[in-house]
Amino acid sequence: MGRIALVLGSGGARGYAHIGVIQVLEERGHEVAAVSGASMGALIGGLHVAGKLGEFTGWALGLKQFDVLRMMDLTVREPGLVRGDRITRYLSGLLDGIQIEDSPIPYTAVATDLGSRREVWFQQGPMDVAIRASIAMPSFITPVVVGDRLLIDGGVVNPLPIEPTLSTPVDATVAVELNGPSRADSRNKDIAISTPYHASADEVDQESTGRDWLERFRMGAVDLFAQTAWARKNVDPARSNDLYRLGPAPKGLSYLDLVAQSVDMMGSMIARYRSASNPPDVAIQIPHDAARVSEFHRASGMITLGRKLAIEALDRAGL
């Protein structure tokens, strides 16, 4: 049993996996001592520290695809497909005026300020307002104005916000990323999903710590370009001209799918480089193709997946 800082990433409906992770941590007797989240991570994390996650989970497990469609108040005159008023009303009713600073667990919801192009940390004020700002996925859910700031999804700048938890003394940091390698890639023997190495205090000094950070950053960049080079090397020379032939978009690729996949890819790369300076002790990666961003009727499967991957990761870490 130990004190855990829990970092919950962005990724739409895949965020139901966060519920499974929290369940496993509680079953093992760990104390969640700090929570930070972006987008769906902010929603699940906020409901947990407010003591409302059980009620929300029961509601989510009962959702059918038609129920999800009814929740989406579509709009054509605002900067987003969904206005978000129905979501806001549900959250406000569930949270019933709870203030972040009254929570027994330090909590941070991350949003993005479009004007300053910086992240905003909500660590006080109404919980429902913080969550609504953090889940405003570009082109999907309309942005909101809080004070004089135009705010959108926190995952745009910090999809895995580890930094807000650093001031809380804990035994381990557990981070749940929702844009992990695809299920097919995870089964490929040539692709390894590793947990960051943490040297003991007597193994490092200030000078080597700086070198280690630079080395992690360099290796991340090398790996990224190696994947690109691999793609080029594995092109059949006889078919190389096909690379320059224009073709139609895949059938069934919707506007929302395109936006969501683009945001997911961007978020995955941002999370990778930002976490290089503050790597978590336990990294749980939910495959990016486990569910579409908008498949909020798939709570049961995603919670089960979150539990499975949490058990595996925590067992490896000895937690």
Protein backbone atom coordinates (compact mmCIF):
# COMPACT_ATOMS: atom_id res chain seq x y z
CA MET A 1 0.00 0.00 0.00
CA GLY A 2 1.26 3.47 -0.81
CA ARG A 3 0.45 7.06 -1.63
CA ILE A 4 -0.16 7.51 -5.35
CA ALA A 5 -0.19 10.58 -7.58
CA LEU A 6 -2.65 9.77 -10.36
CA VAL A 7 -2.29 11.42 -13.76
CA LEU A 8 -5.19 10.85 -16.18
CA GLY A 9 -4.73 11.64 -19.85
CA SER A 10 -7.02 12.89 -22.61
CA GLY A 11 -8.66 10.68 -25.22
CA GLY A 12 -12.46 10.87 -25.24
CA ALA A 13 -14.41 7.67 -24.58
CA ARG A 14 -11.20 5.73 -23.99
CA GLY A 15 -11.12 7.67 -20.73
CA TYR A 16 -13.55 5.15 -19.24
CA ALA A 17 -10.38 3.07 -18.79
CA HIS A 18 -9.42 5.54 -16.04
CA ILE A 19 -12.30 4.15 -13.97
CA GLY A 20 -10.84 0.65 -14.18
CA VAL A 21 -7.42 1.92 -13.11
CA ILE A 22 -8.89 3.71 -10.09
CA GLN A 23 -10.83 0.58 -9.12
CA VAL A 24 -7.67 -1.53 -9.16
CA LEU A 25 -5.70 1.03 -7.11
CA GLU A 26 -8.45 1.08 -4.47
CA GLU A 27 -8.72 -2.72 -4.39
CA ARG A 28 -4.99 -2.92 -3.70
CA GLY A 29 -5.28 -0.49 -0.81
CA HIS A 30 -3.37 2.39 -2.37
CA GLU A 31 -4.23 5.94 -1.35
CA VAL A 32 -4.73 8.36 -4.24
CA ALA A 33 -3.04 11.44 -2.77
CA ALA A 34 -3.18 13.77 -5.80
CA VAL A 35 -5.03 13.80 -9.12
CA SER A 36 -4.48 15.78 -12.30
CA GLY A 37 -6.20 15.31 -15.62
CA ALA A 38 -6.86 16.71 -19.05
CA SER A 39 -10.13 16.39 -20.95
CA MET A 40 -11.76 13.04 -20.10
CA GLY A 41 -9.01 12.57 -17.52
CA ALA A 42 -10.13 15.78 -15.82
CA LEU A 43 -13.73 14.55 -15.83
CA ILE A 44 -13.02 11.12 -14.33
CA GLY A 45 -10.44 12.53 -11.89
CA GLY A 46 -12.78 15.29 -10.76
CA LEU A 47 -15.66 12.91 -10.16
CA HIS A 48 -13.36 10.63 -8.17
CA VAL A 49 -12.07 13.32 -5.78
CA ALA A 50 -15.64 14.62 -5.42
CA GLY A 51 -16.88 11.18 -4.40
CA LYS A 52 -19.22 10.94 -7.38
CA LEU A 53 -17.41 8.43 -9.56
CA GLY A 54 -19.51 5.45 -8.47
CA GLU A 55 -22.73 7.21 -9.42
CA PHE A 56 -21.28 8.33 -12.75
CA THR A 57 -20.00 4.82 -13.51
CA GLY A 58 -23.45 3.31 -12.99
CA TRP A 59 -24.93 5.92 -15.32
CA ALA A 60 -22.25 5.39 -17.98
CA LEU A 61 -22.64 1.60 -17.94
CA GLY A 62 -26.31 2.05 -18.81
CA LEU A 63 -25.71 4.26 -21.84
CA LYS A 64 -26.69 2.96 -25.26
CA GLN A 65 -25.60 4.48 -28.54
CA PHE A 66 -28.95 6.25 -28.91
CA ASP A 67 -28.58 7.75 -25.42
CA VAL A 68 -25.20 9.18 -26.40
CA LEU A 69 -26.70 10.77 -29.51
CA ARG A 70 -29.44 12.36 -27.39
CA MET A 71 -26.78 13.92 -25.16
CA MET A 72 -25.17 15.65 -28.13
CA ASP A 73 -26.86 19.01 -28.70
CA LEU A 74 -25.61 19.60 -32.23
CA THR A 75 -25.00 23.12 -33.50
CA VAL A 76 -24.04 24.64 -36.85
CA ARG A 77 -23.59 28.26 -35.78
CA GLU A 78 -20.96 27.81 -33.09
CA PRO A 79 -17.29 26.75 -33.22
CA GLY A 80 -17.93 23.07 -32.54
CA LEU A 81 -20.28 20.24 -33.50
CA VAL A 82 -21.71 19.89 -29.98
CA ARG A 83 -22.75 22.84 -27.82
CA GLY A 84 -22.17 20.91 -24.60
CA ASP A 85 -25.11 22.34 -22.64
CA ARG A 86 -26.60 18.92 -21.90
CA ILE A 87 -23.25 17.61 -20.72
CA THR A 88 -22.82 20.69 -18.52
CA ARG A 89 -26.29 20.31 -16.98
CA TYR A 90 -25.64 16.66 -16.16
CA LEU A 91 -22.26 17.41 -14.55
CA SER A 92 -23.63 20.39 -12.61
CA GLY A 93 -26.49 18.30 -11.25
CA LEU A 94 -24.16 15.47 -10.27
CA LEU A 95 -21.51 17.68 -8.65
CA ASP A 96 -24.09 19.99 -6.99
CA GLY A 97 -21.85 23.02 -6.51
CA ILE A 98 -18.76 21.20 -5.25
CA GLN A 99 -15.69 23.46 -5.13
CA ILE A 100 -12.26 22.09 -6.05
CA GLU A 101 -10.61 23.54 -2.93
CA ASP A 102 -13.07 21.66 -0.71
CA SER A 103 -11.97 18.30 -2.10
CA PRO A 104 -10.04 16.05 0.32
CA ILE A 105 -7.59 15.22 -2.50
CA PRO A 106 -5.53 17.89 -4.34
CA TYR A 107 -6.96 18.09 -7.85
CA THR A 108 -6.00 19.89 -11.05
CA ALA A 109 -7.97 20.12 -14.29
CA VAL A 110 -5.95 21.36 -17.26
CA ALA A 111 -7.43 23.50 -20.02
CA THR A 112 -5.88 25.51 -22.85
CA ASP A 113 -6.09 29.31 -23.18
CA LEU A 114 -6.38 30.07 -26.90
CA GLY A 115 -5.44 33.73 -26.41
CA SER A 116 -2.14 33.18 -24.59
CA ARG A 117 -1.56 29.71 -26.09
CA ARG A 118 -0.76 28.38 -22.64
CA GLU A 119 -2.23 25.77 -20.34
CA VAL A 120 -4.49 26.79 -17.47
CA TRP A 121 -4.58 24.86 -14.20
CA PHE A 122 -7.89 24.80 -12.35
CA GLN A 123 -7.06 24.15 -8.69
CA GLN A 124 -9.93 26.08 -7.14
CA GLY A 125 -13.42 27.17 -8.07
CA PRO A 126 -16.47 25.19 -9.25
CA MET A 127 -15.57 21.63 -10.23
CA ASP A 128 -18.12 21.51 -13.06
CA VAL A 129 -16.71 24.68 -14.69
CA ALA A 130 -13.17 23.29 -14.59
CA ILE A 131 -14.25 20.00 -16.16
CA ARG A 132 -16.35 21.69 -18.85
CA ALA A 133 -13.40 23.86 -19.88
CA SER A 134 -11.02 20.91 -19.98
CA ILE A 135 -13.25 18.70 -22.19
CA ALA A 136 -13.82 21.28 -24.96
CA MET A 137 -12.22 19.20 -27.72
CA PRO A 138 -11.49 21.43 -30.75
CA SER A 139 -14.09 21.15 -33.54
CA PHE A 140 -16.18 18.74 -31.45
CA ILE A 141 -17.33 20.44 -28.22
CA THR A 142 -17.60 24.22 -28.27
CA PRO A 143 -15.03 26.28 -26.31
CA VAL A 144 -16.03 28.24 -23.22
CA VAL A 145 -15.15 31.63 -21.80
CA VAL A 146 -14.11 31.67 -18.13
CA GLY A 147 -13.33 35.16 -16.89
CA ASP A 148 -11.70 36.78 -19.91
CA ARG A 149 -10.13 33.58 -21.27
CA LEU A 150 -11.33 31.51 -24.22
CA LEU A 151 -10.63 27.93 -23.16
CA ILE A 152 -10.48 24.61 -24.98
CA ASP A 153 -9.42 21.03 -24.25
CA GLY A 154 -6.38 20.74 -21.98
CA GLY A 155 -5.10 17.83 -24.06
CA VAL A 156 -4.10 20.26 -26.81
CA VAL A 157 -1.06 21.43 -24.83
CA ASN A 158 -0.70 18.88 -22.02
CA PRO A 159 -2.44 15.57 -22.70
CA LEU A 160 -0.76 13.86 -19.73
CA PRO A 161 -0.34 16.56 -17.05
CA ILE A 162 2.21 15.16 -14.61
CA GLU A 163 3.57 18.55 -13.47
CA PRO A 164 0.60 19.56 -11.23
CA THR A 165 1.18 16.53 -9.00
CA LEU A 166 4.90 17.11 -8.38
CA SER A 167 4.40 19.19 -5.22
CA THR A 168 2.55 16.38 -3.41
CA PRO A 169 4.73 13.88 -1.49
CA VAL A 170 3.90 10.40 -2.82
CA ASP A 171 5.44 6.95 -3.09
CA ALA A 172 4.77 6.61 -6.81
CA THR A 173 3.24 8.41 -9.78
CA VAL A 174 0.85 6.42 -11.96
CA ALA A 175 0.09 7.95 -15.36
CA VAL A 176 -2.63 6.65 -17.70
CA GLU A 177 -2.14 7.62 -21.35
CA LEU A 178 -5.09 7.10 -23.70
CA ASN A 179 -3.11 7.38 -26.95
CA GLY A 180 -0.85 4.36 -26.58
CA PRO A 181 0.37 2.07 -29.38
CA SER A 182 -2.33 0.24 -31.29
CA ARG A 183 -3.34 -3.23 -30.18
CA ALA A 184 -1.59 -4.72 -33.21
CA ASP A 185 1.64 -2.82 -32.44
CA SER A 186 1.52 -3.90 -28.79
CA ARG A 187 1.58 -7.53 -29.91
CA ASN A 188 4.51 -6.95 -32.27
CA LYS A 189 7.70 -8.36 -30.80
CA ASP A 190 9.76 -5.61 -32.42
CA ILE A 191 7.96 -2.89 -30.45
CA ALA A 192 8.59 -2.56 -26.73
CA ILE A 193 6.47 -0.61 -24.27
CA SER A 194 8.83 0.13 -21.40
CA THR A 195 8.55 1.62 -17.95
CA PRO A 196 11.07 4.46 -17.37
CA TYR A 197 14.16 3.54 -15.37
CA HIS A 198 14.60 5.38 -12.08
CA ALA A 199 18.07 5.37 -10.55
CA SER A 200 18.48 5.44 -6.79
CA ALA A 201 19.65 8.61 -5.05
CA ASP A 202 23.22 7.37 -4.67
CA GLU A 203 23.48 6.59 -8.39
CA VAL A 204 22.92 10.08 -9.71
CA ASP A 205 24.09 13.62 -9.14
CA GLN A 206 22.87 16.94 -10.51
CA GLU A 207 25.19 16.82 -13.49
CA SER A 208 24.20 13.29 -14.51
CA THR A 209 20.50 14.10 -14.05
CA GLY A 210 20.77 16.75 -16.74
CA ARG A 211 22.60 14.34 -19.02
CA ASP A 212 19.95 11.66 -18.41
CA TRP A 213 17.14 14.03 -19.40
CA LEU A 214 18.92 15.02 -22.59
CA GLU A 215 19.63 11.37 -23.37
CA ARG A 216 15.95 10.43 -22.93
CA PHE A 217 14.93 13.32 -25.18
CA ARG A 218 17.54 12.37 -27.79
CA MET A 219 16.54 8.70 -27.78
CA GLY A 220 12.90 9.67 -28.18
CA ALA A 221 13.74 11.71 -31.26
CA VAL A 222 15.96 8.95 -32.64
CA ASP A 223 13.15 6.43 -32.19
CA LEU A 224 10.66 8.71 -33.92
CA PHE A 225 12.85 9.22 -36.96
CA ALA A 226 13.78 5.52 -36.98
CA GLN A 227 10.11 4.65 -37.40
CA THR A 228 9.89 7.05 -40.36
CA ALA A 229 13.03 5.56 -41.89
CA TRP A 230 11.64 2.06 -41.39
CA ALA A 231 8.55 3.04 -43.37
CA ARG A 232 10.73 4.31 -46.23
CA LYS A 233 12.99 1.24 -46.27
CA ASN A 234 10.06 -1.17 -46.39
CA VAL A 235 8.51 0.28 -49.54
CA ASP A 236 8.70 -2.10 -52.49
CA PRO A 237 10.88 -0.31 -55.12
CA ALA A 238 8.63 -1.65 -57.86
CA ARG A 239 5.68 0.12 -56.30
CA SER A 240 7.45 3.31 -55.22
CA ASN A 241 5.53 5.39 -57.76
CA ASP A 242 2.33 4.48 -55.92
CA LEU A 243 3.48 6.80 -53.15
CA TYR A 244 2.84 9.78 -55.41
CA ARG A 245 -0.54 8.69 -56.75
CA LEU A 246 -3.51 10.57 -55.29
CA GLY A 247 -6.41 8.49 -54.06
CA PRO A 248 -9.72 8.98 -52.26
CA ALA A 249 -10.03 9.09 -48.47
CA PRO A 250 -10.91 5.76 -46.83
CA LYS A 251 -14.60 4.93 -46.85
CA GLY A 252 -16.31 5.54 -43.56
CA LEU A 253 -13.78 8.16 -42.38
CA SER A 254 -15.97 10.88 -40.90
CA TYR A 255 -15.11 14.49 -40.14
CA LEU A 256 -15.08 13.69 -36.42
CA ASP A 257 -12.85 10.65 -36.96
CA LEU A 258 -10.35 12.75 -38.89
CA VAL A 259 -10.23 15.48 -36.25
CA ALA A 260 -10.05 12.97 -33.40
CA GLN A 261 -7.25 10.94 -34.95
CA SER A 262 -5.27 14.09 -35.70
CA VAL A 263 -5.64 15.32 -32.12
CA ASP A 264 -4.75 11.87 -30.80
CA MET A 265 -1.55 11.72 -32.83
CA MET A 266 -0.55 15.21 -31.76
CA GLY A 267 -1.34 14.45 -28.14
CA SER A 268 0.67 11.25 -28.16
CA MET A 269 3.80 13.03 -29.37
CA ILE A 270 3.37 15.93 -26.94
CA ALA A 271 2.88 13.55 -24.00
CA ARG A 272 5.96 11.58 -24.97
CA TYR A 273 8.26 14.58 -24.96
CA ARG A 274 6.75 16.33 -21.94
CA SER A 275 6.99 13.21 -19.79
CA ALA A 276 10.69 12.83 -20.68
CA SER A 277 11.58 15.41 -18.03
CA ASN A 278 9.24 13.95 -15.37
CA PRO A 279 8.67 10.27 -16.21
CA PRO A 280 6.02 8.47 -14.16
CA ASP A 281 6.90 5.46 -12.04
CA VAL A 282 4.13 3.47 -13.69
CA ALA A 283 2.96 4.20 -17.24
CA ILE A 284 -0.31 2.57 -18.29
CA GLN A 285 -0.90 2.92 -22.04
CA ILE A 286 -4.40 2.42 -23.42
CA PRO A 287 -4.25 1.59 -27.16
CA HIS A 288 -5.43 4.52 -29.27
CA ASP A 289 -7.60 2.18 -31.34
CA ALA A 290 -9.36 0.60 -28.34
CA ALA A 291 -12.36 2.90 -28.93
CA ARG A 292 -13.26 5.95 -30.95
CA VAL A 293 -13.31 9.28 -29.17
CA SER A 294 -17.11 9.52 -29.39
CA GLU A 295 -18.02 5.92 -28.45
CA PHE A 296 -19.35 6.79 -25.01
CA HIS A 297 -21.66 3.77 -25.05
CA ARG A 298 -18.66 1.44 -24.57
CA ALA A 299 -18.04 2.03 -20.88
CA SER A 300 -18.07 -1.63 -19.86
CA GLY A 301 -15.39 -2.75 -22.31
CA MET A 302 -13.11 0.21 -21.63
CA ILE A 303 -13.38 -0.16 -17.83
CA THR A 304 -12.47 -3.83 -18.19
CA LEU A 305 -9.50 -2.95 -20.41
CA GLY A 306 -8.35 -0.32 -17.92
CA ARG A 307 -8.49 -2.87 -15.11
CA LYS A 308 -6.53 -5.44 -17.11
CA LEU A 309 -3.74 -3.07 -18.14
CA ALA A 310 -3.56 -1.55 -14.64
CA ILE A 311 -3.14 -4.97 -13.03
CA GLU A 312 -0.36 -5.85 -15.49
CA ALA A 313 1.47 -2.54 -15.01
CA LEU A 314 1.18 -2.48 -11.23
CA ASP A 315 2.31 -6.10 -10.98
CA ARG A 316 5.42 -5.27 -13.03
CA ALA A 317 6.13 -2.31 -10.73
CA GLY A 318 5.53 -4.34 -7.57
CA LEU A 319 2.69 -2.08 -6.40
